[in-house]
Amino acid sequence: MQGVWIPTFGSFDTVSKDIRTEDGTVTLRWPVFHLASNLIATHHLKPRRESLPVLRKMEPMKYSKAAAAASLSWATLRTGIQSTVALISGCLQNGENVAVVLKDIGVLLIDGLTFQMKFFFDFLEQLSGKEKFRRATFKVSCSFSMAQADP
């Protein structure tokens, strides 16, 4: 998966993330989202927790390709993104919290002066493969539960 930069909104990419389990280390593809610097600077936002770095240079989203996949014209897609960013910015200026649902990907939450991207479980499975992802999360969950049960 190649990263994509959506001008004025943010960028998405993936990084390798090693998960230690009882049976060894599992390497997963992990999504990373960076909110656009214009939104961060204008509204003095900070990430809820630091995200993983993305070392690759991002290509701007190809509106024509994305529009074709969504059965829209490129102009309609571009206008929709610009309108969405303007709506987000307006809500933030009014002191409102914002939740933006990105279909099949996750939810961008902006609460007060912090933001975070929460990815859907199915999307995380899709990036690394269902079996690999479930094996890693099951092993980590079991280890965590067992560690919490000890007095």
Protein backbone atom coordinates (compact mmCIF):
# COMPACT_ATOMS: atom_id res chain seq x y z
CA MET A 1 0.00 0.00 0.00
CA GLN A 2 1.37 3.38 -0.99
CA GLY A 3 0.70 6.40 1.16
CA VAL A 4 -1.58 9.17 0.00
CA TRP A 5 -1.73 12.86 0.83
CA ILE A 6 -5.14 14.53 0.70
CA PRO A 7 -4.37 18.26 0.44
CA THR A 8 -5.76 20.33 3.35
CA PHE A 9 -7.03 17.19 5.15
CA GLY A 10 -4.08 14.92 5.95
CA SER A 11 -2.08 11.89 4.87
CA PHE A 12 -2.44 8.14 5.26
CA ASP A 13 0.36 5.61 5.08
CA THR A 14 1.39 2.31 6.61
CA VAL A 15 4.45 1.21 8.56
CA SER A 16 5.70 -2.15 9.73
CA LYS A 17 4.90 -2.77 13.38
CA ASP A 18 6.39 -5.70 15.29
CA ILE A 19 4.06 -7.31 17.83
CA ARG A 20 5.66 -9.59 20.40
CA THR A 21 3.61 -12.64 21.26
CA GLU A 22 4.24 -15.78 23.29
CA ASP A 23 5.19 -17.55 20.03
CA GLY A 24 7.59 -14.88 18.75
CA THR A 25 7.27 -11.64 16.84
CA VAL A 26 4.58 -10.96 14.23
CA THR A 27 5.09 -8.08 11.80
CA LEU A 28 1.93 -6.24 10.84
CA ARG A 29 1.23 -3.40 8.41
CA TRP A 30 -0.05 -0.59 10.62
CA PRO A 31 -1.92 2.50 9.37
CA VAL A 32 -0.69 5.97 10.21
CA PHE A 33 -2.69 9.18 9.80
CA HIS A 34 -1.25 12.69 9.99
CA LEU A 35 -3.73 15.57 10.13
CA ALA A 36 -2.88 18.40 7.72
CA SER A 37 -0.63 21.09 9.15
CA ASN A 38 -3.11 23.83 8.13
CA LEU A 39 -5.76 22.36 10.49
CA ILE A 40 -3.22 21.74 13.26
CA ALA A 41 -1.81 25.28 13.11
CA THR A 42 -5.10 27.13 12.64
CA HIS A 43 -6.84 25.35 15.53
CA HIS A 44 -3.80 24.69 17.78
CA LEU A 45 -4.42 20.94 17.74
CA LYS A 46 -2.16 18.24 19.15
CA PRO A 47 -2.33 14.48 18.60
CA ARG A 48 -3.80 12.59 21.55
CA ARG A 49 -0.74 10.35 21.34
CA GLU A 50 2.22 10.58 19.04
CA SER A 51 1.73 8.64 15.84
CA LEU A 52 4.31 6.47 14.21
CA PRO A 53 6.58 8.29 11.76
CA VAL A 54 6.13 7.97 8.04
CA LEU A 55 9.42 8.23 6.23
CA ARG A 56 8.20 8.19 2.65
CA LYS A 57 7.34 11.23 0.61
CA MET A 58 3.62 11.36 -0.08
CA GLU A 59 2.07 11.75 -3.49
CA PRO A 60 -1.05 13.92 -3.65
CA MET A 61 -4.26 11.94 -4.04
CA LYS A 62 -5.15 11.39 -7.67
CA TYR A 63 -8.62 12.89 -7.76
CA SER A 64 -9.51 11.28 -11.10
CA LYS A 65 -8.65 7.76 -9.88
CA ALA A 66 -10.45 8.19 -6.54
CA ALA A 67 -13.44 9.80 -8.27
CA ALA A 68 -13.72 6.91 -10.73
CA ALA A 69 -13.71 4.41 -7.85
CA ALA A 70 -16.51 6.40 -6.18
CA SER A 71 -18.44 6.97 -9.44
CA LEU A 72 -18.01 10.74 -9.19
CA SER A 73 -16.41 13.40 -11.32
CA TRP A 74 -12.99 14.58 -10.13
CA ALA A 75 -14.39 18.09 -9.62
CA THR A 76 -17.22 16.75 -7.42
CA LEU A 77 -14.76 14.74 -5.32
CA ARG A 78 -12.38 17.70 -4.92
CA THR A 79 -15.25 20.02 -3.99
CA GLY A 80 -16.53 17.45 -1.49
CA ILE A 81 -13.15 17.21 0.22
CA GLN A 82 -12.75 20.99 0.31
CA SER A 83 -16.27 21.42 1.70
CA THR A 84 -15.66 18.77 4.36
CA VAL A 85 -12.42 20.44 5.49
CA ALA A 86 -14.20 23.83 5.59
CA LEU A 87 -17.02 22.30 7.68
CA ILE A 88 -14.51 20.71 10.08
CA SER A 89 -12.67 24.01 10.40
CA GLY A 90 -15.91 25.91 11.02
CA CYS A 91 -16.98 23.47 13.74
CA LEU A 92 -13.58 23.76 15.42
CA GLN A 93 -13.76 27.58 15.30
CA ASN A 94 -17.09 27.32 17.13
CA GLY A 95 -15.51 25.14 19.82
CA GLU A 96 -17.34 21.99 18.72
CA ASN A 97 -15.90 18.49 18.81
CA VAL A 98 -15.74 16.69 15.47
CA ALA A 99 -15.98 13.04 14.40
CA VAL A 100 -15.39 12.25 10.73
CA VAL A 101 -16.22 8.71 9.63
CA LEU A 102 -14.11 7.49 6.73
CA LYS A 103 -16.03 4.59 5.23
CA ASP A 104 -14.33 1.21 5.73
CA ILE A 105 -11.26 2.89 7.30
CA GLY A 106 -12.04 4.47 10.66
CA VAL A 107 -13.01 7.61 12.53
CA LEU A 108 -11.09 10.85 12.97
CA LEU A 109 -11.94 12.27 16.40
CA ILE A 110 -11.16 15.88 17.29
CA ASP A 111 -12.02 16.56 20.92
CA GLY A 112 -11.11 19.95 22.31
CA LEU A 113 -7.51 20.56 21.26
CA THR A 114 -6.57 16.92 20.64
CA PHE A 115 -7.15 14.60 17.73
CA GLN A 116 -6.74 10.91 17.01
CA MET A 117 -7.56 8.48 14.25
CA LYS A 118 -9.21 5.21 15.29
CA PHE A 119 -9.11 2.51 12.64
CA PHE A 120 -11.78 -0.15 12.20
CA PHE A 121 -10.82 -3.73 13.10
CA ASP A 122 -11.76 -4.98 9.60
CA PHE A 123 -9.47 -2.36 8.03
CA LEU A 124 -6.56 -3.44 10.26
CA GLU A 125 -7.20 -7.07 9.30
CA GLN A 126 -7.22 -6.16 5.63
CA LEU A 127 -3.80 -4.47 5.80
CA SER A 128 -1.90 -7.43 7.26
CA GLY A 129 -4.14 -10.33 6.40
CA LYS A 130 -6.92 -11.67 8.56
CA GLU A 131 -5.10 -14.71 10.01
CA LYS A 132 -1.87 -12.87 10.76
CA PHE A 133 -3.67 -9.96 12.40
CA ARG A 134 -5.95 -12.17 14.50
CA ARG A 135 -3.01 -14.35 15.58
CA ALA A 136 -1.11 -11.26 16.75
CA THR A 137 -4.07 -9.64 18.50
CA PHE A 138 -5.22 -12.89 20.13
CA LYS A 139 -1.75 -13.63 21.50
CA VAL A 140 -1.31 -10.07 22.77
CA SER A 141 -4.83 -10.04 24.30
CA CYS A 142 -4.22 -13.35 26.09
CA SER A 143 -0.85 -12.17 27.41
CA PHE A 144 -2.36 -8.87 28.57
CA SER A 145 -5.32 -10.57 30.27
CA MET A 146 -3.06 -13.06 32.03
CA ALA A 147 -0.69 -10.31 33.17
CA GLN A 148 -3.61 -8.32 34.58
CA ALA A 149 -4.98 -11.36 36.46
CA ASP A 150 -1.80 -11.83 38.54
CA PRO A 151 -1.96 -10.13 41.95
